């Protein structure tokens, strides 16, 4: 009889283990759920890669003409007068993306276009923010690329006597040593104007 009683003890002990298993399963599921919930947060905090491209070109241009600049949503514009009968355009373009492949695609799109006519030069920023431009390029980009930040910074030299038309986004604006009629329309800027003369009409865009 004693041996039968001793054999029953392990059976009674085993009956408590299913409760422990439930607790373990619950804890495991909680850890897995927390991990899965955290994945989007890790993805959002992933640092973006950057690529910067530099471009410079010169165009013959006499005094008394008009130079128009349409800036990017973000980026600075600096225009300086000089003695030469030409316009020099130096551009710094920065794009950001998650991969090197993304940077390569964005660098092809975010740039500027130069349009020349008699007595008028237009410098037009283009990029993923311009839907009409993307349609003309027939480029279909994923939404995540359309939302990637970019900036274009301009340093432009023009003849001393030049009329200016400037449409800018957010960024510093510097004008110096230029004389002529100037129309300035920007969204948000820290402007520094050091001019020889002329008429300045400056307004702030509605955001």
C-alpha atoms as a PDB file:
ATOM      1  CA  UNK A   1       0.000   0.000   0.000  1.00  0.00           C
ATOM      2  CA  UNK A   2       2.863   2.340   0.791  1.00  0.00           C
ATOM      3  CA  UNK A   3       4.326   1.896  -2.691  1.00  0.00           C
ATOM      4  CA  UNK A   4       1.003   2.896  -4.275  1.00  0.00           C
ATOM      5  CA  UNK A   5       0.866   6.105  -2.228  1.00  0.00           C
ATOM      6  CA  UNK A   6       4.443   6.987  -3.199  1.00  0.00           C
ATOM      7  CA  UNK A   7       3.654   6.470  -6.887  1.00  0.00           C
ATOM      8  CA  UNK A   8       0.714   8.894  -6.742  1.00  0.00           C
ATOM      9  CA  UNK A   9       2.872  11.863  -5.688  1.00  0.00           C
ATOM     10  CA  UNK A  10       4.407  12.569  -9.133  1.00  0.00           C
ATOM     11  CA  UNK A  11       0.947  12.468 -10.716  1.00  0.00           C
ATOM     12  CA  UNK A  12      -0.324  15.214  -8.370  1.00  0.00           C
ATOM     13  CA  UNK A  13       2.768  17.323  -9.089  1.00  0.00           C
ATOM     14  CA  UNK A  14       2.287  17.102 -12.890  1.00  0.00           C
ATOM     15  CA  UNK A  15      -1.207  18.583 -12.593  1.00  0.00           C
ATOM     16  CA  UNK A  16       0.269  22.026 -11.767  1.00  0.00           C
ATOM     17  CA  UNK A  17       2.388  22.262 -14.921  1.00  0.00           C
ATOM     18  CA  UNK A  18      -0.368  23.221 -17.451  1.00  0.00           C
ATOM     19  CA  UNK A  19      -0.886  26.472 -15.514  1.00  0.00           C
ATOM     20  CA  UNK A  20       2.785  27.290 -15.835  1.00  0.00           C
ATOM     21  CA  UNK A  21       2.641  26.522 -19.560  1.00  0.00           C
ATOM     22  CA  UNK A  22      -0.198  29.045 -20.012  1.00  0.00           C
ATOM     23  CA  UNK A  23       1.847  31.735 -18.300  1.00  0.00           C
ATOM     24  CA  UNK A  24       4.882  30.976 -20.476  1.00  0.00           C
ATOM     25  CA  UNK A  25       2.795  31.053 -23.660  1.00  0.00           C
ATOM     26  CA  UNK A  26       1.239  34.381 -22.638  1.00  0.00           C
ATOM     27  CA  UNK A  27       4.641  35.907 -21.942  1.00  0.00           C
ATOM     28  CA  UNK A  28       6.019  34.677 -25.264  1.00  0.00           C
ATOM     29  CA  UNK A  29       3.082  36.145 -27.179  1.00  0.00           C
ATOM     30  CA  UNK A  30       3.502  39.446 -25.367  1.00  0.00           C
ATOM     31  CA  UNK A  31       7.189  39.632 -26.307  1.00  0.00           C
ATOM     32  CA  UNK A  32       6.446  38.789 -29.961  1.00  0.00           C
ATOM     33  CA  UNK A  33       3.649  41.388 -30.116  1.00  0.00           C
ATOM     34  CA  UNK A  34       5.898  44.046 -28.626  1.00  0.00           C
ATOM     35  CA  UNK A  35       8.635  43.243 -31.163  1.00  0.00           C
ATOM     36  CA  UNK A  36       6.269  43.401 -34.132  1.00  0.00           C
ATOM     37  CA  UNK A  37       4.762  46.657 -32.903  1.00  0.00           C
ATOM     38  CA  UNK A  38       8.223  48.188 -32.579  1.00  0.00           C
ATOM     39  CA  UNK A  39       9.332  47.348 -36.128  1.00  0.00           C
ATOM     40  CA  UNK A  40       7.636  50.384 -37.766  1.00  0.00           C
ATOM     41  CA  UNK A  41       9.215  52.637 -35.151  1.00  0.00           C
ATOM     42  CA  UNK A  42      12.677  51.278 -35.929  1.00  0.00           C
ATOM     43  CA  UNK A  43      11.999  51.762 -39.648  1.00  0.00           C
ATOM     44  CA  UNK A  44      10.945  55.382 -39.114  1.00  0.00           C
ATOM     45  CA  UNK A  45      14.059  56.149 -37.090  1.00  0.00           C
ATOM     46  CA  UNK A  46      16.386  54.700 -39.706  1.00  0.00           C
ATOM     47  CA  UNK A  47      18.796  57.465 -40.785  1.00  0.00           C
ATOM     48  CA  UNK A  48      18.570  58.552 -44.413  1.00  0.00           C
ATOM     49  CA  UNK A  49      21.513  58.528 -46.792  1.00  0.00           C
ATOM     50  CA  UNK A  50      22.570  61.759 -48.492  1.00  0.00           C
ATOM     51  CA  UNK A  51      24.124  62.569 -51.847  1.00  0.00           C
ATOM     52  CA  UNK A  52      25.308  66.009 -52.951  1.00  0.00           C
ATOM     53  CA  UNK A  53      25.870  66.992 -56.587  1.00  0.00           C
ATOM     54  CA  UNK A  54      27.673  70.139 -57.761  1.00  0.00           C
ATOM     55  CA  UNK A  55      27.104  71.792 -61.125  1.00  0.00           C
ATOM     56  CA  UNK A  56      28.524  74.965 -62.700  1.00  0.00           C
ATOM     57  CA  UNK A  57      27.857  76.527 -66.096  1.00  0.00           C
ATOM     58  CA  UNK A  58      28.305  79.899 -67.784  1.00  0.00           C
ATOM     59  CA  UNK A  59      26.140  81.666 -70.338  1.00  0.00           C
ATOM     60  CA  UNK A  60      27.017  84.761 -72.385  1.00  0.00           C
ATOM     61  CA  UNK A  61      24.637  87.524 -71.313  1.00  0.00           C
ATOM     62  CA  UNK A  62      24.834  91.285 -71.732  1.00  0.00           C
ATOM     63  CA  UNK A  63      23.815  93.979 -69.267  1.00  0.00           C
ATOM     64  CA  UNK A  64      20.214  95.182 -69.202  1.00  0.00           C
ATOM     65  CA  UNK A  65      18.575  91.763 -69.483  1.00  0.00           C
ATOM     66  CA  UNK A  66      16.422  89.833 -67.025  1.00  0.00           C
ATOM     67  CA  UNK A  67      17.369  86.785 -64.981  1.00  0.00           C
ATOM     68  CA  UNK A  68      14.534  84.744 -63.463  1.00  0.00           C
ATOM     69  CA  UNK A  69      15.119  82.197 -60.715  1.00  0.00           C
ATOM     70  CA  UNK A  70      12.539  79.721 -59.426  1.00  0.00           C
ATOM     71  CA  UNK A  71      14.005  78.101 -56.347  1.00  0.00           C
ATOM     72  CA  UNK A  72      13.310  74.708 -54.840  1.00  0.00           C
ATOM     73  CA  UNK A  73      10.948  74.232 -51.863  1.00  0.00           C
ATOM     74  CA  UNK A  74      14.089  74.269 -49.700  1.00  0.00           C
ATOM     75  CA  UNK A  75      17.364  75.940 -50.552  1.00  0.00           C
ATOM     76  CA  UNK A  76      19.253  79.213 -50.607  1.00  0.00           C
ATOM     77  CA  UNK A  77      19.610  81.724 -53.441  1.00  0.00           C
ATOM     78  CA  UNK A  78      22.626  84.021 -53.689  1.00  0.00           C
ATOM     79  CA  UNK A  79      22.956  86.472 -56.578  1.00  0.00           C
ATOM     80  CA  UNK A  80      25.959  88.773 -57.052  1.00  0.00           C
ATOM     81  CA  UNK A  81      26.737  91.332 -59.725  1.00  0.00           C
ATOM     82  CA  UNK A  82      30.094  91.348 -61.543  1.00  0.00           C
ATOM     83  CA  UNK A  83      31.820  93.069 -64.447  1.00  0.00           C
ATOM     84  CA  UNK A  84      31.637  90.186 -66.911  1.00  0.00           C
ATOM     85  CA  UNK A  85      29.023  89.981 -69.683  1.00  0.00           C
ATOM     86  CA  UNK A  86      27.914  86.532 -68.682  1.00  0.00           C
ATOM     87  CA  UNK A  87      25.879  84.630 -66.114  1.00  0.00           C
ATOM     88  CA  UNK A  88      27.579  81.985 -64.001  1.00  0.00           C
ATOM     89  CA  UNK A  89      25.368  79.430 -62.255  1.00  0.00           C
ATOM     90  CA  UNK A  90      26.786  77.260 -59.465  1.00  0.00           C
ATOM     91  CA  UNK A  91      24.358  74.769 -57.972  1.00  0.00           C
ATOM     92  CA  UNK A  92      24.565  72.404 -55.004  1.00  0.00           C
ATOM     93  CA  UNK A  93      21.855  69.716 -55.012  1.00  0.00           C
ATOM     94  CA  UNK A  94      21.313  67.486 -51.982  1.00  0.00           C
ATOM     95  CA  UNK A  95      18.992  64.470 -52.103  1.00  0.00           C
ATOM     96  CA  UNK A  96      18.134  61.998 -49.356  1.00  0.00           C
ATOM     97  CA  UNK A  97      16.988  58.387 -49.573  1.00  0.00           C
ATOM     98  CA  UNK A  98      16.968  55.038 -47.830  1.00  0.00           C
ATOM     99  CA  UNK A  99      19.266  53.238 -50.299  1.00  0.00           C
ATOM    100  CA  UNK A 100      21.952  54.073 -52.850  1.00  0.00           C
ATOM    101  CA  UNK A 101      19.529  53.072 -55.606  1.00  0.00           C
ATOM    102  CA  UNK A 102      16.989  55.595 -54.298  1.00  0.00           C
ATOM    103  CA  UNK A 103      19.638  58.316 -54.263  1.00  0.00           C
ATOM    104  CA  UNK A 104      20.568  57.584 -57.876  1.00  0.00           C
ATOM    105  CA  UNK A 105      16.937  57.854 -59.031  1.00  0.00           C
ATOM    106  CA  UNK A 106      16.285  61.025 -57.057  1.00  0.00           C
ATOM    107  CA  UNK A 107      19.492  62.677 -58.295  1.00  0.00           C
ATOM    108  CA  UNK A 108      18.223  62.271 -61.870  1.00  0.00           C
ATOM    109  CA  UNK A 109      14.974  64.096 -61.075  1.00  0.00           C
ATOM    110  CA  UNK A 110      15.817  66.805 -58.541  1.00  0.00           C
ATOM    111  CA  UNK A 111      17.760  69.379 -60.526  1.00  0.00           C
ATOM    112  CA  UNK A 112      17.222  72.585 -62.512  1.00  0.00           C
ATOM    113  CA  UNK A 113      16.422  73.581 -66.080  1.00  0.00           C
ATOM    114  CA  UNK A 114      18.034  76.504 -67.916  1.00  0.00           C
ATOM    115  CA  UNK A 115      15.935  78.349 -70.502  1.00  0.00           C
ATOM    116  CA  UNK A 116      17.521  81.060 -72.662  1.00  0.00           C
ATOM    117  CA  UNK A 117      15.820  83.631 -74.884  1.00  0.00           C
ATOM    118  CA  UNK A 118      16.907  87.015 -76.177  1.00  0.00           C
ATOM    119  CA  UNK A 119      17.692  89.152 -73.131  1.00  0.00           C
ATOM    120  CA  UNK A 120      16.175  86.668 -70.677  1.00  0.00           C
ATOM    121  CA  UNK A 121      17.528  83.686 -68.774  1.00  0.00           C
ATOM    122  CA  UNK A 122      15.272  81.461 -66.642  1.00  0.00           C
ATOM    123  CA  UNK A 123      16.690  79.104 -64.024  1.00  0.00           C
ATOM    124  CA  UNK A 124      13.902  76.727 -62.986  1.00  0.00           C
ATOM    125  CA  UNK A 125      14.147  74.223 -60.133  1.00  0.00           C
ATOM    126  CA  UNK A 126      12.517  70.867 -60.867  1.00  0.00           C
ATOM    127  CA  UNK A 127      11.987  67.814 -58.700  1.00  0.00           C
ATOM    128  CA  UNK A 128       9.658  65.336 -57.080  1.00  0.00           C
ATOM    129  CA  UNK A 129       7.458  68.179 -55.814  1.00  0.00           C
ATOM    130  CA  UNK A 130       6.460  69.063 -59.399  1.00  0.00           C
ATOM    131  CA  UNK A 131       3.767  66.661 -60.624  1.00  0.00           C
ATOM    132  CA  UNK A 132       3.641  68.163 -64.120  1.00  0.00           C
ATOM    133  CA  UNK A 133       7.396  67.720 -64.491  1.00  0.00           C
ATOM    134  CA  UNK A 134       7.148  64.058 -63.444  1.00  0.00           C
ATOM    135  CA  UNK A 135       4.393  63.507 -66.009  1.00  0.00           C
ATOM    136  CA  UNK A 136       6.571  64.962 -68.758  1.00  0.00           C
ATOM    137  CA  UNK A 137       9.406  62.675 -67.716  1.00  0.00           C
ATOM    138  CA  UNK A 138       6.990  59.738 -67.547  1.00  0.00           C
ATOM    139  CA  UNK A 139       8.526  58.758 -64.218  1.00  0.00           C
ATOM    140  CA  UNK A 140       6.491  56.648 -61.817  1.00  0.00           C
ATOM    141  CA  UNK A 141       8.007  56.757 -58.377  1.00  0.00           C
ATOM    142  CA  UNK A 142       6.942  54.993 -55.167  1.00  0.00           C
ATOM    143  CA  UNK A 143       5.271  57.272 -52.620  1.00  0.00           C
ATOM    144  CA  UNK A 144       8.188  56.979 -50.241  1.00  0.00           C
ATOM    145  CA  UNK A 145      10.488  58.550 -52.853  1.00  0.00           C
ATOM    146  CA  UNK A 146       8.052  61.370 -53.573  1.00  0.00           C
ATOM    147  CA  UNK A 147       8.214  62.379 -49.913  1.00  0.00           C
ATOM    148  CA  UNK A 148      12.001  62.311 -49.611  1.00  0.00           C
ATOM    149  CA  UNK A 149      13.496  65.714 -48.709  1.00  0.00           C
ATOM    150  CA  UNK A 150      15.834  67.545 -51.068  1.00  0.00           C
ATOM    151  CA  UNK A 151      17.332  71.013 -51.375  1.00  0.00           C
ATOM    152  CA  UNK A 152      18.933  73.102 -54.092  1.00  0.00           C
ATOM    153  CA  UNK A 153      21.325  75.958 -53.249  1.00  0.00           C
ATOM    154  CA  UNK A 154      22.159  78.535 -55.935  1.00  0.00           C
ATOM    155  CA  UNK A 155      25.103  80.903 -56.287  1.00  0.00           C
ATOM    156  CA  UNK A 156      24.575  83.044 -59.381  1.00  0.00           C
ATOM    157  CA  UNK A 157      26.699  85.838 -60.828  1.00  0.00           C
ATOM    158  CA  UNK A 158      25.086  88.310 -63.230  1.00  0.00           C
ATOM    159  CA  UNK A 159      26.133  91.551 -64.985  1.00  0.00           C
ATOM    160  CA  UNK A 160      25.940  94.575 -62.682  1.00  0.00           C
ATOM    161  CA  UNK A 161      22.906  96.035 -64.486  1.00  0.00           C
ATOM    162  CA  UNK A 162      20.396  93.206 -64.509  1.00  0.00           C
ATOM    163  CA  UNK A 163      16.699  92.932 -63.707  1.00  0.00           C
ATOM    164  CA  UNK A 164      15.841  90.053 -61.378  1.00  0.00           C
ATOM    165  CA  UNK A 165      12.739  87.917 -60.828  1.00  0.00           C
ATOM    166  CA  UNK A 166      13.047  85.580 -57.846  1.00  0.00           C
ATOM    167  CA  UNK A 167      10.544  83.019 -56.592  1.00  0.00           C
ATOM    168  CA  UNK A 168      11.886  81.100 -53.609  1.00  0.00           C
ATOM    169  CA  UNK A 169      10.819  78.586 -50.995  1.00  0.00           C
ATOM    170  CA  UNK A 170      12.452  78.251 -47.578  1.00  0.00           C
ATOM    171  CA  UNK A 171      16.058  79.346 -47.411  1.00  0.00           C
ATOM    172  CA  UNK A 172      18.454  82.283 -47.211  1.00  0.00           C
ATOM    173  CA  UNK A 173      18.320  84.983 -49.888  1.00  0.00           C
ATOM    174  CA  UNK A 174      21.381  87.136 -50.600  1.00  0.00           C
ATOM    175  CA  UNK A 175      21.558  89.883 -53.226  1.00  0.00           C
ATOM    176  CA  UNK A 176      24.612  92.115 -53.600  1.00  0.00           C
ATOM    177  CA  UNK A 177      26.196  94.495 -56.052  1.00  0.00           C
ATOM    178  CA  UNK A 178      23.271  94.439 -58.509  1.00  0.00           C
ATOM    179  CA  UNK A 179      21.352  97.384 -59.971  1.00  0.00           C
ATOM    180  CA  UNK A 180      18.001  96.952 -61.702  1.00  0.00           C
ATOM    181  CA  UNK A 181      14.303  96.289 -61.196  1.00  0.00           C
ATOM    182  CA  UNK A 182      13.770  93.371 -58.811  1.00  0.00           C
ATOM    183  CA  UNK A 183      10.669  91.330 -58.042  1.00  0.00           C
ATOM    184  CA  UNK A 184      11.071  88.994 -55.064  1.00  0.00           C
ATOM    185  CA  UNK A 185       8.459  86.486 -53.939  1.00  0.00           C
ATOM    186  CA  UNK A 186       9.513  83.991 -51.244  1.00  0.00           C
ATOM    187  CA  UNK A 187       7.856  81.704 -48.723  1.00  0.00           C
ATOM    188  CA  UNK A 188      10.270  81.986 -45.787  1.00  0.00           C
ATOM    189  CA  UNK A 189      13.719  83.546 -45.835  1.00  0.00           C
ATOM    190  CA  UNK A 190      16.466  85.389 -44.037  1.00  0.00           C
ATOM    191  CA  UNK A 191      17.179  88.083 -46.625  1.00  0.00           C
ATOM    192  CA  UNK A 192      20.389  90.100 -46.972  1.00  0.00           C
ATOM    193  CA  UNK A 193      20.222  92.836 -49.607  1.00  0.00           C
ATOM    194  CA  UNK A 194      23.226  94.980 -50.496  1.00  0.00           C
ATOM    195  CA  UNK A 195      22.271  96.714 -53.729  1.00  0.00           C
ATOM    196  CA  UNK A 196      23.713  99.541 -55.821  1.00  0.00           C
ATOM    197  CA  UNK A 197      20.291 100.879 -56.779  1.00  0.00           C
ATOM    198  CA  UNK A 198      17.080 100.045 -58.580  1.00  0.00           C
ATOM    199  CA  UNK A 199      13.516  99.254 -57.577  1.00  0.00           C
ATOM    200  CA  UNK A 200      12.723  96.325 -55.276  1.00  0.00           C
ATOM    201  CA  UNK A 201       9.255  94.807 -54.984  1.00  0.00           C
ATOM    202  CA  UNK A 202       9.308  92.038 -52.346  1.00  0.00           C
ATOM    203  CA  UNK A 203       6.378  89.913 -51.144  1.00  0.00           C
ATOM    204  CA  UNK A 204       5.867  86.791 -49.069  1.00  0.00           C
ATOM    205  CA  UNK A 205       4.126  83.757 -50.536  1.00  0.00           C
ATOM    206  CA  UNK A 206       1.124  82.234 -48.836  1.00  0.00           C
ATOM    207  CA  UNK A 207       2.014  78.814 -47.459  1.00  0.00           C
END
